[in-house]
N, C-alpha and C. Protein backbone atom coordinates (compact mmCIF):
# COMPACT_ATOMS: atom_id res chain seq x y z
N SER A 1 0.84 -1.19 0.00
CA SER A 1 0.00 0.00 0.00
C SER A 1 0.88 1.25 0.00
N ALA A 2 0.33 2.35 -0.36
CA ALA A 2 1.07 3.60 -0.41
C ALA A 2 1.55 3.98 0.99
N ALA A 3 2.76 4.54 1.05
CA ALA A 3 3.35 4.90 2.35
C ALA A 3 4.51 5.86 2.13
N PRO A 4 4.91 6.59 3.18
CA PRO A 4 6.12 7.40 3.09
C PRO A 4 7.34 6.47 3.01
N VAL A 5 8.29 6.81 2.15
CA VAL A 5 9.46 5.95 1.93
C VAL A 5 10.73 6.73 2.24
N GLU A 6 11.64 6.08 2.95
CA GLU A 6 12.93 6.69 3.29
C GLU A 6 14.02 5.62 3.19
N ILE A 7 15.17 6.02 2.70
CA ILE A 7 16.33 5.13 2.64
C ILE A 7 17.47 5.79 3.40
N GLN A 8 18.08 5.02 4.30
CA GLN A 8 19.24 5.50 5.05
C GLN A 8 20.43 4.64 4.67
N ILE A 9 21.56 5.27 4.41
CA ILE A 9 22.78 4.57 4.01
C ILE A 9 23.81 4.72 5.11
N TYR A 10 24.40 3.58 5.51
CA TYR A 10 25.37 3.55 6.60
C TYR A 10 26.69 2.97 6.12
N ASP A 11 27.80 3.40 6.74
CA ASP A 11 29.09 2.77 6.46
C ASP A 11 29.23 1.52 7.33
N VAL A 12 30.35 0.81 7.21
CA VAL A 12 30.52 -0.45 7.94
C VAL A 12 30.62 -0.25 9.45
N ARG A 13 30.92 0.95 9.89
CA ARG A 13 30.96 1.24 11.33
C ARG A 13 29.59 1.57 11.88
N GLY A 14 28.60 1.72 11.01
CA GLY A 14 27.25 2.04 11.43
C GLY A 14 26.94 3.52 11.45
N ALA A 15 27.86 4.32 10.95
CA ALA A 15 27.64 5.78 10.90
C ALA A 15 26.75 6.11 9.70
N LEU A 16 25.78 6.98 9.91
CA LEU A 16 24.89 7.40 8.83
C LEU A 16 25.67 8.21 7.81
N VAL A 17 25.59 7.79 6.54
CA VAL A 17 26.28 8.47 5.45
C VAL A 17 25.32 9.40 4.71
N ARG A 18 24.12 8.91 4.45
CA ARG A 18 23.16 9.70 3.67
C ARG A 18 21.74 9.25 3.97
N ARG A 19 20.83 10.19 3.93
CA ARG A 19 19.41 9.90 4.13
C ARG A 19 18.67 10.38 2.88
N LEU A 20 17.90 9.50 2.27
CA LEU A 20 17.12 9.84 1.09
C LEU A 20 15.64 9.76 1.45
N ASN A 21 14.97 10.88 1.46
CA ASN A 21 13.54 10.91 1.74
C ASN A 21 12.82 10.94 0.40
N LEU A 22 12.13 9.85 0.08
CA LEU A 22 11.47 9.73 -1.21
C LEU A 22 10.02 10.18 -1.18
N GLY A 23 9.55 10.62 -0.02
CA GLY A 23 8.18 11.10 0.09
C GLY A 23 7.17 9.97 0.08
N HIS A 24 5.93 10.32 -0.14
CA HIS A 24 4.83 9.35 -0.15
C HIS A 24 4.80 8.67 -1.51
N GLN A 25 4.97 7.36 -1.54
CA GLN A 25 5.02 6.60 -2.79
C GLN A 25 3.89 5.58 -2.84
N GLY A 26 3.36 5.35 -4.01
CA GLY A 26 2.35 4.32 -4.20
C GLY A 26 2.99 2.95 -4.21
N ALA A 27 2.18 1.93 -4.02
CA ALA A 27 2.68 0.55 -4.04
C ALA A 27 3.11 0.18 -5.46
N GLY A 28 4.11 -0.70 -5.57
CA GLY A 28 4.55 -1.17 -6.88
C GLY A 28 6.05 -1.33 -6.96
N TYR A 29 6.52 -1.67 -8.15
CA TYR A 29 7.94 -1.84 -8.41
C TYR A 29 8.44 -0.63 -9.18
N TYR A 30 9.59 -0.12 -8.79
CA TYR A 30 10.15 1.07 -9.42
C TYR A 30 11.50 0.71 -10.02
N HIS A 31 11.55 0.58 -11.33
CA HIS A 31 12.78 0.22 -12.03
C HIS A 31 13.37 1.38 -12.81
N ASP A 32 12.53 2.26 -13.29
CA ASP A 32 12.97 3.42 -14.07
C ASP A 32 13.71 4.40 -13.17
N ARG A 33 14.86 4.89 -13.59
CA ARG A 33 15.68 5.78 -12.77
C ARG A 33 14.93 7.04 -12.36
N SER A 34 14.00 7.50 -13.17
CA SER A 34 13.27 8.71 -12.83
C SER A 34 12.29 8.49 -11.68
N LYS A 35 11.90 7.24 -11.43
CA LYS A 35 10.96 6.93 -10.36
C LYS A 35 11.60 6.14 -9.22
N ALA A 36 12.67 5.41 -9.51
CA ALA A 36 13.31 4.56 -8.51
C ALA A 36 14.17 5.40 -7.57
N ALA A 37 14.52 4.81 -6.45
CA ALA A 37 15.45 5.45 -5.52
C ALA A 37 16.82 5.50 -6.19
N TYR A 38 17.48 6.62 -6.10
CA TYR A 38 18.79 6.77 -6.73
C TYR A 38 19.72 7.51 -5.78
N TRP A 39 20.86 6.90 -5.50
CA TRP A 39 21.88 7.52 -4.66
C TRP A 39 23.07 7.84 -5.55
N ASP A 40 23.52 9.07 -5.53
CA ASP A 40 24.61 9.51 -6.39
C ASP A 40 26.00 9.21 -5.84
N GLY A 41 26.09 8.53 -4.68
CA GLY A 41 27.39 8.18 -4.12
C GLY A 41 28.01 9.27 -3.28
N ARG A 42 27.22 10.25 -2.89
CA ARG A 42 27.72 11.34 -2.07
C ARG A 42 27.16 11.26 -0.66
N SER A 43 27.92 11.82 0.27
CA SER A 43 27.50 11.86 1.67
C SER A 43 26.53 13.03 1.88
N GLU A 44 26.05 13.19 3.11
CA GLU A 44 25.16 14.32 3.44
C GLU A 44 25.83 15.66 3.17
N THR A 45 27.16 15.72 3.29
CA THR A 45 27.89 16.97 3.08
C THR A 45 28.27 17.20 1.62
N GLY A 46 27.91 16.26 0.74
CA GLY A 46 28.18 16.41 -0.68
C GLY A 46 29.49 15.83 -1.15
N GLU A 47 30.24 15.18 -0.27
CA GLU A 47 31.51 14.58 -0.65
C GLU A 47 31.29 13.17 -1.20
N TRP A 48 32.12 12.79 -2.17
CA TRP A 48 32.06 11.43 -2.70
C TRP A 48 32.48 10.45 -1.61
N VAL A 49 31.79 9.33 -1.50
CA VAL A 49 32.17 8.32 -0.52
C VAL A 49 33.27 7.44 -1.11
N ALA A 50 34.01 6.78 -0.23
CA ALA A 50 35.09 5.90 -0.64
C ALA A 50 34.54 4.55 -1.12
N SER A 51 35.35 3.84 -1.88
CA SER A 51 34.99 2.48 -2.26
C SER A 51 34.88 1.64 -1.00
N GLY A 52 33.98 0.68 -1.02
CA GLY A 52 33.84 -0.20 0.14
C GLY A 52 32.41 -0.68 0.29
N MET A 53 32.16 -1.33 1.42
CA MET A 53 30.84 -1.87 1.69
C MET A 53 30.01 -0.86 2.48
N TYR A 54 28.75 -0.78 2.12
CA TYR A 54 27.79 0.09 2.78
C TYR A 54 26.51 -0.71 3.00
N PHE A 55 25.70 -0.24 3.92
CA PHE A 55 24.41 -0.87 4.19
C PHE A 55 23.33 0.18 3.96
N TYR A 56 22.23 -0.27 3.39
CA TYR A 56 21.10 0.65 3.24
C TYR A 56 19.88 0.04 3.91
N GLN A 57 19.09 0.90 4.51
CA GLN A 57 17.87 0.48 5.17
C GLN A 57 16.71 1.20 4.50
N LEU A 58 15.79 0.42 3.97
CA LEU A 58 14.60 0.94 3.31
C LEU A 58 13.44 0.86 4.28
N ARG A 59 12.76 1.98 4.46
CA ARG A 59 11.56 2.01 5.31
C ARG A 59 10.40 2.53 4.49
N ALA A 60 9.35 1.73 4.44
CA ALA A 60 8.12 2.11 3.73
C ALA A 60 6.94 1.70 4.60
N GLY A 61 6.37 2.66 5.29
CA GLY A 61 5.29 2.33 6.21
C GLY A 61 5.78 1.41 7.32
N ASP A 62 5.15 0.25 7.48
CA ASP A 62 5.55 -0.73 8.49
C ASP A 62 6.68 -1.65 8.02
N TYR A 63 7.03 -1.58 6.74
CA TYR A 63 8.05 -2.46 6.16
C TYR A 63 9.44 -1.85 6.35
N THR A 64 10.39 -2.67 6.79
CA THR A 64 11.79 -2.26 6.90
C THR A 64 12.67 -3.39 6.38
N ALA A 65 13.63 -3.06 5.54
CA ALA A 65 14.59 -4.04 5.02
C ALA A 65 15.98 -3.42 5.04
N THR A 66 16.97 -4.21 5.43
CA THR A 66 18.36 -3.76 5.44
C THR A 66 19.16 -4.70 4.54
N ARG A 67 19.90 -4.12 3.63
CA ARG A 67 20.73 -4.89 2.69
C ARG A 67 22.10 -4.23 2.59
N ARG A 68 23.04 -4.96 2.02
CA ARG A 68 24.38 -4.39 1.84
C ARG A 68 24.63 -4.10 0.37
N MET A 69 25.57 -3.21 0.12
CA MET A 69 25.98 -2.89 -1.25
C MET A 69 27.46 -2.55 -1.23
N VAL A 70 28.07 -2.67 -2.37
CA VAL A 70 29.49 -2.39 -2.51
C VAL A 70 29.67 -1.29 -3.53
N ILE A 71 30.46 -0.29 -3.15
CA ILE A 71 30.81 0.80 -4.07
C ILE A 71 32.21 0.52 -4.58
N ILE A 72 32.36 0.43 -5.89
CA ILE A 72 33.66 0.18 -6.51
C ILE A 72 33.95 1.33 -7.46
N LYS A 73 35.09 1.96 -7.27
CA LYS A 73 35.46 3.08 -8.15
C LYS A 73 36.58 2.69 -9.07
C-alpha cells in the first residue's frame, strides 16, 4: 500500500552516510531511474564516498529491510 518511503545509508561502522527521503510513494515496483530510488554516491555533506561496503535500510510504512551494497570506483 502507499506509504512514506525513506532510505538511510550507513558505512561499515554504522555511521549514517546519507538519508534519502522519497516522500509518499504508491505501491509497486520502481525500475525506471526517474521513479526509482537513486543515490549519487555522495555523503550528506556532498563529498564522494570511498569504495567499500555500505548498508542501506529501506523504510516504507511498516516495512523495513536492510541490505548491503558495494561501491567500486
